[in-house]
Amino acid sequence: MSLDWEKDDVCLVLEDEEGQEHEFALVKKFCMDDDEYVVLQPVDADEQIIFKFITDEDGAEFLCEIEDEEEWERAVDAYQGMGLDEEI
């Protein structure tokens, strides 16, 4: 499934480790160091979450948690540098 990231109202449903579904709204998609990232906001909360956006060789799209602390900090800094930041 390919998402149209250019639309203003992109909503995603993600499943957590316990199998519960959570709905998120796309806040921003941005590039950093030749990688793509997305900022999502749960529809029922104010905080925002950054995920790494990956497309595999077959064209499948994935959102991955950023596990590397240094990469996470650089992604947060890049997003905050855009002047669009809220609580991350």
C-alpha atoms as a PDB file:
ATOM      1  CA  MET A   1       0.000   0.000   0.000  1.00  0.00           C
ATOM      2  CA  SER A   2       1.381   3.382  -0.956  1.00  0.00           C
ATOM      3  CA  LEU A   3       0.294   6.486   0.909  1.00  0.00           C
ATOM      4  CA  ASP A   4      -0.242   9.889  -0.654  1.00  0.00           C
ATOM      5  CA  TRP A   5       1.960  11.868   1.732  1.00  0.00           C
ATOM      6  CA  GLU A   6       1.165  15.125  -0.075  1.00  0.00           C
ATOM      7  CA  LYS A   7      -2.441  15.198   1.144  1.00  0.00           C
ATOM      8  CA  ASP A   8      -3.169  17.473   4.088  1.00  0.00           C
ATOM      9  CA  ASP A   9      -5.230  14.911   5.986  1.00  0.00           C
ATOM     10  CA  VAL A  10      -3.139  11.737   6.059  1.00  0.00           C
ATOM     11  CA  CYS A  11      -4.237   9.481   8.924  1.00  0.00           C
ATOM     12  CA  LEU A  12      -2.596   6.199   9.856  1.00  0.00           C
ATOM     13  CA  VAL A  13      -3.643   3.370  12.126  1.00  0.00           C
ATOM     14  CA  LEU A  14      -0.659   1.715  13.796  1.00  0.00           C
ATOM     15  CA  GLU A  15      -0.691  -1.399  15.942  1.00  0.00           C
ATOM     16  CA  ASP A  16       1.369  -1.492  19.141  1.00  0.00           C
ATOM     17  CA  GLU A  17       3.213  -4.460  20.667  1.00  0.00           C
ATOM     18  CA  GLU A  18       0.050  -5.535  22.470  1.00  0.00           C
ATOM     19  CA  GLY A  19      -2.042  -5.590  19.303  1.00  0.00           C
ATOM     20  CA  GLN A  20      -3.998  -2.431  20.080  1.00  0.00           C
ATOM     21  CA  GLU A  21      -4.616  -0.014  17.239  1.00  0.00           C
ATOM     22  CA  HIS A  22      -3.920   3.710  17.550  1.00  0.00           C
ATOM     23  CA  GLU A  23      -4.859   6.426  15.055  1.00  0.00           C
ATOM     24  CA  PHE A  24      -2.308   9.089  14.125  1.00  0.00           C
ATOM     25  CA  ALA A  25      -2.383  12.217  11.984  1.00  0.00           C
ATOM     26  CA  LEU A  26       0.597  13.097   9.806  1.00  0.00           C
ATOM     27  CA  VAL A  27       2.161  16.346  10.986  1.00  0.00           C
ATOM     28  CA  LYS A  28       5.243  16.529   8.756  1.00  0.00           C
ATOM     29  CA  LYS A  29       7.459  14.451   6.506  1.00  0.00           C
ATOM     30  CA  PHE A  30      11.075  15.620   6.197  1.00  0.00           C
ATOM     31  CA  CYS A  31      14.501  14.490   4.997  1.00  0.00           C
ATOM     32  CA  MET A  32      17.728  14.355   6.968  1.00  0.00           C
ATOM     33  CA  ASP A  33      21.031  12.819   5.845  1.00  0.00           C
ATOM     34  CA  ASP A  34      19.422  11.125   2.805  1.00  0.00           C
ATOM     35  CA  ASP A  35      16.801   9.444   5.030  1.00  0.00           C
ATOM     36  CA  GLU A  36      13.126  10.291   5.377  1.00  0.00           C
ATOM     37  CA  TYR A  37      11.254  10.790   8.628  1.00  0.00           C
ATOM     38  CA  VAL A  38       7.643  11.419   9.569  1.00  0.00           C
ATOM     39  CA  VAL A  39       6.215  13.224  12.556  1.00  0.00           C
ATOM     40  CA  LEU A  40       2.926  11.749  13.725  1.00  0.00           C
ATOM     41  CA  GLN A  41       0.503  12.926  16.373  1.00  0.00           C
ATOM     42  CA  PRO A  42      -1.979  10.592  18.071  1.00  0.00           C
ATOM     43  CA  VAL A  43      -5.491  11.880  17.368  1.00  0.00           C
ATOM     44  CA  ASP A  44      -6.311  11.694  21.082  1.00  0.00           C
ATOM     45  CA  ALA A  45      -3.133  13.292  22.477  1.00  0.00           C
ATOM     46  CA  ASP A  46      -0.953  16.377  22.105  1.00  0.00           C
ATOM     47  CA  GLU A  47       2.520  14.826  21.925  1.00  0.00           C
ATOM     48  CA  GLN A  48       4.227  14.048  18.645  1.00  0.00           C
ATOM     49  CA  ILE A  49       6.358  11.077  17.645  1.00  0.00           C
ATOM     50  CA  ILE A  50       9.091  10.842  14.997  1.00  0.00           C
ATOM     51  CA  PHE A  51       9.470   7.655  12.960  1.00  0.00           C
ATOM     52  CA  LYS A  52      11.980   6.774  10.263  1.00  0.00           C
ATOM     53  CA  PHE A  53      10.224   6.195   6.921  1.00  0.00           C
ATOM     54  CA  ILE A  54      11.648   3.336   4.875  1.00  0.00           C
ATOM     55  CA  THR A  55      10.763   2.010   1.428  1.00  0.00           C
ATOM     56  CA  ASP A  56      12.183  -1.426   0.640  1.00  0.00           C
ATOM     57  CA  GLU A  57      13.348  -2.656  -2.769  1.00  0.00           C
ATOM     58  CA  ASP A  58       9.838  -3.979  -3.510  1.00  0.00           C
ATOM     59  CA  GLY A  59       8.271  -0.567  -2.847  1.00  0.00           C
ATOM     60  CA  ALA A  60       6.725  -1.523   0.494  1.00  0.00           C
ATOM     61  CA  GLU A  61       6.619   1.370   2.958  1.00  0.00           C
ATOM     62  CA  PHE A  62       7.454   1.021   6.655  1.00  0.00           C
ATOM     63  CA  LEU A  63       7.637   3.234   9.710  1.00  0.00           C
ATOM     64  CA  CYS A  64      10.403   2.266  12.125  1.00  0.00           C
ATOM     65  CA  GLU A  65      11.169   3.487  15.605  1.00  0.00           C
ATOM     66  CA  ILE A  66      14.452   5.365  15.846  1.00  0.00           C
ATOM     67  CA  GLU A  67      16.472   3.276  18.278  1.00  0.00           C
ATOM     68  CA  ASP A  68      19.825   5.028  17.914  1.00  0.00           C
ATOM     69  CA  GLU A  69      19.958   7.867  20.480  1.00  0.00           C
ATOM     70  CA  GLU A  70      22.227  10.056  18.331  1.00  0.00           C
ATOM     71  CA  GLU A  71      19.980   9.677  15.260  1.00  0.00           C
ATOM     72  CA  TRP A  72      16.911  10.429  17.428  1.00  0.00           C
ATOM     73  CA  GLU A  73      18.465  13.637  18.762  1.00  0.00           C
ATOM     74  CA  ARG A  74      19.480  14.781  15.266  1.00  0.00           C
ATOM     75  CA  ALA A  75      15.955  14.088  13.964  1.00  0.00           C
ATOM     76  CA  VAL A  76      14.387  16.065  16.829  1.00  0.00           C
ATOM     77  CA  ASP A  77      16.834  18.939  16.257  1.00  0.00           C
ATOM     78  CA  ALA A  78      16.096  18.934  12.512  1.00  0.00           C
ATOM     79  CA  TYR A  79      12.350  19.016  13.127  1.00  0.00           C
ATOM     80  CA  GLN A  80      12.584  21.713  15.781  1.00  0.00           C
ATOM     81  CA  GLY A  81      14.776  23.739  13.420  1.00  0.00           C
ATOM     82  CA  MET A  82      11.833  23.919  11.011  1.00  0.00           C
ATOM     83  CA  GLY A  83       9.927  26.028  13.519  1.00  0.00           C
ATOM     84  CA  LEU A  84       6.986  23.607  13.484  1.00  0.00           C
ATOM     85  CA  ASP A  85       7.776  21.761  16.673  1.00  0.00           C
ATOM     86  CA  GLU A  86       5.482  20.949  19.485  1.00  0.00           C
ATOM     87  CA  GLU A  87       6.244  18.594  22.334  1.00  0.00           C
ATOM     88  CA  ILE A  88       8.250  15.589  21.087  1.00  0.00           C
END
